[in-house]
C-alpha atoms as a PDB file:
ATOM      1  CA  MET A   1       9.598 -10.042 -64.922  1.00  0.00           C
ATOM      2  CA  ASN A   2      12.094  -8.743 -62.394  1.00  0.00           C
ATOM      3  CA  MET A   3      12.075 -11.086 -59.385  1.00  0.00           C
ATOM      4  CA  ASN A   4      13.193 -10.103 -55.907  1.00  0.00           C
ATOM      5  CA  PHE A   5      15.515 -12.193 -53.732  1.00  0.00           C
ATOM      6  CA  GLY A   6      12.710 -14.163 -52.091  1.00  0.00           C
ATOM      7  CA  GLU A   7      11.099 -15.034 -55.415  1.00  0.00           C
ATOM      8  CA  ARG A   8      14.419 -16.191 -56.879  1.00  0.00           C
ATOM      9  CA  LEU A   9      15.016 -18.271 -53.759  1.00  0.00           C
ATOM     10  CA  ARG A  10      11.599 -19.943 -54.044  1.00  0.00           C
ATOM     11  CA  VAL A  11      12.006 -20.615 -57.781  1.00  0.00           C
ATOM     12  CA  ALA A  12      15.450 -22.154 -57.246  1.00  0.00           C
ATOM     13  CA  ARG A  13      14.086 -24.416 -54.475  1.00  0.00           C
ATOM     14  CA  GLU A  14      11.121 -25.509 -56.573  1.00  0.00           C
ATOM     15  CA  ARG A  15      13.369 -26.244 -59.565  1.00  0.00           C
ATOM     16  CA  GLN A  16      15.222 -28.703 -57.363  1.00  0.00           C
ATOM     17  CA  GLY A  17      11.908 -30.366 -56.487  1.00  0.00           C
ATOM     18  CA  LEU A  18      12.284 -29.578 -52.805  1.00  0.00           C
ATOM     19  CA  LEU A  19       9.469 -28.806 -50.434  1.00  0.00           C
ATOM     20  CA  GLN A  20      10.115 -25.830 -48.199  1.00  0.00           C
ATOM     21  CA  LYS A  21      10.263 -27.984 -45.052  1.00  0.00           C
ATOM     22  CA  ASP A  22      12.752 -30.407 -46.651  1.00  0.00           C
ATOM     23  CA  ALA A  23      14.979 -27.600 -47.917  1.00  0.00           C
ATOM     24  CA  ALA A  24      14.888 -25.941 -44.495  1.00  0.00           C
ATOM     25  CA  THR A  25      15.978 -29.177 -42.823  1.00  0.00           C
ATOM     26  CA  LEU A  26      18.843 -29.632 -45.293  1.00  0.00           C
ATOM     27  CA  LEU A  27      19.894 -26.023 -44.694  1.00  0.00           C
ATOM     28  CA  GLY A  28      19.755 -26.391 -40.905  1.00  0.00           C
ATOM     29  CA  MET A  29      16.959 -23.905 -40.339  1.00  0.00           C
ATOM     30  CA  THR A  30      13.246 -23.935 -39.583  1.00  0.00           C
ATOM     31  CA  SER A  31      10.554 -23.886 -42.253  1.00  0.00           C
ATOM     32  CA  SER A  32       9.315 -20.567 -40.914  1.00  0.00           C
ATOM     33  CA  GLN A  33      12.790 -19.054 -41.234  1.00  0.00           C
ATOM     34  CA  LEU A  34      13.059 -20.162 -44.867  1.00  0.00           C
ATOM     35  CA  SER A  35       9.518 -18.925 -45.469  1.00  0.00           C
ATOM     36  CA  ARG A  36      10.470 -15.463 -44.187  1.00  0.00           C
ATOM     37  CA  TYR A  37      13.415 -15.413 -46.609  1.00  0.00           C
ATOM     38  CA  GLU A  38      11.189 -16.468 -49.520  1.00  0.00           C
ATOM     39  CA  LYS A  39       8.655 -13.761 -48.599  1.00  0.00           C
ATOM     40  CA  ASN A  40      11.425 -11.138 -48.363  1.00  0.00           C
ATOM     41  CA  VAL A  41      10.595 -10.462 -44.708  1.00  0.00           C
ATOM     42  CA  ASN A  42      14.136 -11.307 -43.542  1.00  0.00           C
ATOM     43  CA  GLN A  43      17.464 -11.594 -45.352  1.00  0.00           C
ATOM     44  CA  PRO A  44      19.881 -14.493 -44.782  1.00  0.00           C
ATOM     45  CA  VAL A  45      23.530 -14.008 -43.854  1.00  0.00           C
ATOM     46  CA  PRO A  46      26.204 -14.692 -46.516  1.00  0.00           C
ATOM     47  CA  GLU A  47      26.916 -18.206 -45.193  1.00  0.00           C
ATOM     48  CA  GLN A  48      23.252 -19.119 -45.599  1.00  0.00           C
ATOM     49  CA  ILE A  49      23.156 -17.707 -49.134  1.00  0.00           C
ATOM     50  CA  ARG A  50      26.197 -19.807 -49.989  1.00  0.00           C
ATOM     51  CA  ALA A  51      24.526 -22.945 -48.568  1.00  0.00           C
ATOM     52  CA  MET A  52      21.296 -22.198 -50.465  1.00  0.00           C
ATOM     53  CA  SER A  53      23.115 -21.676 -53.746  1.00  0.00           C
ATOM     54  CA  THR A  54      24.909 -25.004 -53.289  1.00  0.00           C
ATOM     55  CA  LEU A  55      21.732 -26.892 -52.369  1.00  0.00           C
ATOM     56  CA  TYR A  56      19.694 -25.314 -55.167  1.00  0.00           C
ATOM     57  CA  LYS A  57      22.541 -25.600 -57.696  1.00  0.00           C
ATOM     58  CA  VAL A  58      22.490 -21.929 -58.655  1.00  0.00           C
ATOM     59  CA  SER A  59      25.060 -19.204 -58.262  1.00  0.00           C
ATOM     60  CA  SER A  60      24.932 -16.799 -55.343  1.00  0.00           C
ATOM     61  CA  ASP A  61      24.877 -14.048 -57.962  1.00  0.00           C
ATOM     62  CA  TYR A  62      21.593 -15.438 -59.316  1.00  0.00           C
ATOM     63  CA  LEU A  63      19.998 -15.446 -55.866  1.00  0.00           C
ATOM     64  CA  LEU A  64      21.242 -11.907 -55.211  1.00  0.00           C
ATOM     65  CA  GLY A  65      19.949 -10.628 -58.551  1.00  0.00           C
ATOM     66  CA  VAL A  66      23.368  -9.896 -60.068  1.00  0.00           C
ATOM     67  CA  GLU A  67      22.689 -12.493 -62.770  1.00  0.00           C
ATOM     68  CA  ARG A  68      19.216 -12.423 -64.258  1.00  0.00           C
ATOM     69  CA  SER A  69      19.027 -15.918 -65.695  1.00  0.00           C
ATOM     70  CA  TYR A  70      18.739 -19.158 -63.796  1.00  0.00           C
ATOM     71  CA  ARG A  71      21.980 -21.011 -64.284  1.00  0.00           C
ATOM     72  CA  VAL A  72      23.423 -24.256 -63.045  1.00  0.00           C
ATOM     73  CA  PRO A  73      27.013 -23.547 -61.916  1.00  0.00           C
ATOM     74  CA  HIS A  74      30.143 -25.673 -61.715  1.00  0.00           C
ATOM     75  CA  GLY A  75      30.117 -26.783 -65.351  1.00  0.00           C
ATOM     76  CA  VAL A  76      26.829 -28.649 -65.079  1.00  0.00           C
ATOM     77  CA  SER A  77      24.900 -28.125 -68.282  1.00  0.00           C
ATOM     78  CA  MET A  78      21.174 -28.338 -68.793  1.00  0.00           C
ATOM     79  CA  ILE A  79      19.366 -28.744 -72.083  1.00  0.00           C
ATOM     80  CA  ALA A  80      16.825 -25.939 -71.858  1.00  0.00           C
ATOM     81  CA  GLU A  81      13.978 -27.444 -73.844  1.00  0.00           C
ATOM     82  CA  GLU A  82      14.150 -30.798 -72.075  1.00  0.00           C
ATOM     83  CA  GLY A  83      14.615 -29.081 -68.735  1.00  0.00           C
ATOM     84  CA  ASP A  84      11.506 -26.975 -69.233  1.00  0.00           C
ATOM     85  CA  GLN A  85       9.500 -30.075 -70.151  1.00  0.00           C
ATOM     86  CA  TYR A  86      10.798 -31.972 -67.119  1.00  0.00           C
ATOM     87  CA  LEU A  87       9.850 -29.056 -64.877  1.00  0.00           C
ATOM     88  CA  ALA A  88       6.360 -28.956 -66.378  1.00  0.00           C
ATOM     89  CA  ASP A  89       5.997 -32.698 -65.868  1.00  0.00           C
ATOM     90  CA  LEU A  90       7.211 -32.471 -62.278  1.00  0.00           C
ATOM     91  CA  SER A  91       4.864 -29.619 -61.461  1.00  0.00           C
ATOM     92  CA  ALA A  92       1.932 -31.820 -62.483  1.00  0.00           C
ATOM     93  CA  LEU A  93       2.879 -34.441 -59.868  1.00  0.00           C
ATOM     94  CA  THR A  94       1.792 -34.489 -56.253  1.00  0.00           C
ATOM     95  CA  PRO A  95       4.408 -33.463 -53.680  1.00  0.00           C
ATOM     96  CA  GLU A  96       4.752 -37.105 -52.637  1.00  0.00           C
ATOM     97  CA  LYS A  97       5.471 -38.214 -56.203  1.00  0.00           C
ATOM     98  CA  ARG A  98       7.940 -35.343 -56.706  1.00  0.00           C
ATOM     99  CA  LYS A  99       9.772 -36.549 -53.612  1.00  0.00           C
ATOM    100  CA  LEU A 100       9.946 -40.060 -55.065  1.00  0.00           C
ATOM    101  CA  VAL A 101      11.306 -38.702 -58.347  1.00  0.00           C
ATOM    102  CA  ARG A 102      13.935 -36.725 -56.419  1.00  0.00           C
ATOM    103  CA  GLN A 103      14.936 -39.820 -54.435  1.00  0.00           C
ATOM    104  CA  MET A 104      15.235 -41.838 -57.641  1.00  0.00           C
ATOM    105  CA  ILE A 105      17.423 -39.180 -59.232  1.00  0.00           C
ATOM    106  CA  MET A 106      19.662 -39.055 -56.163  1.00  0.00           C
ATOM    107  CA  TYR A 107      19.949 -42.873 -56.232  1.00  0.00           C
ATOM    108  CA  LEU A 108      20.885 -42.872 -59.920  1.00  0.00           C
ATOM    109  CA  LEU A 109      23.457 -40.144 -59.410  1.00  0.00           C
ATOM    110  CA  GLN A 110      25.085 -42.124 -56.622  1.00  0.00           C
ATOM    111  CA  SER A 111      24.981 -45.551 -58.269  1.00  0.00           C
ATOM    112  CA  GLU A 112      27.348 -46.894 -60.883  1.00  0.00           C
ATOM    113  CA  ILE A 113      24.643 -47.922 -63.348  1.00  0.00           C
END
């Protein structure tokens, strides 16, 4: 399937376990503005694309359709089979529980455990 910019943007956000309103807040924009980008109604400026790629941990080239595969940049590797299973597990959770999982991950990444 050949996804357009908005679809790639939505997929990248969802893979990070972010709700649209939370991602919009982190990106310094309104939910409706992000929604218009995800629906391909409007196109963001380069600075916004750069911020989105950083937040969603994908390359700008992926969002722009230059690269076809989802990829985590900056040397961060992901074990595909486990990653797919984690995504399936997360998608079965309620948004509230996904937010808790995200908070726990952020805590673990920041702690020295």
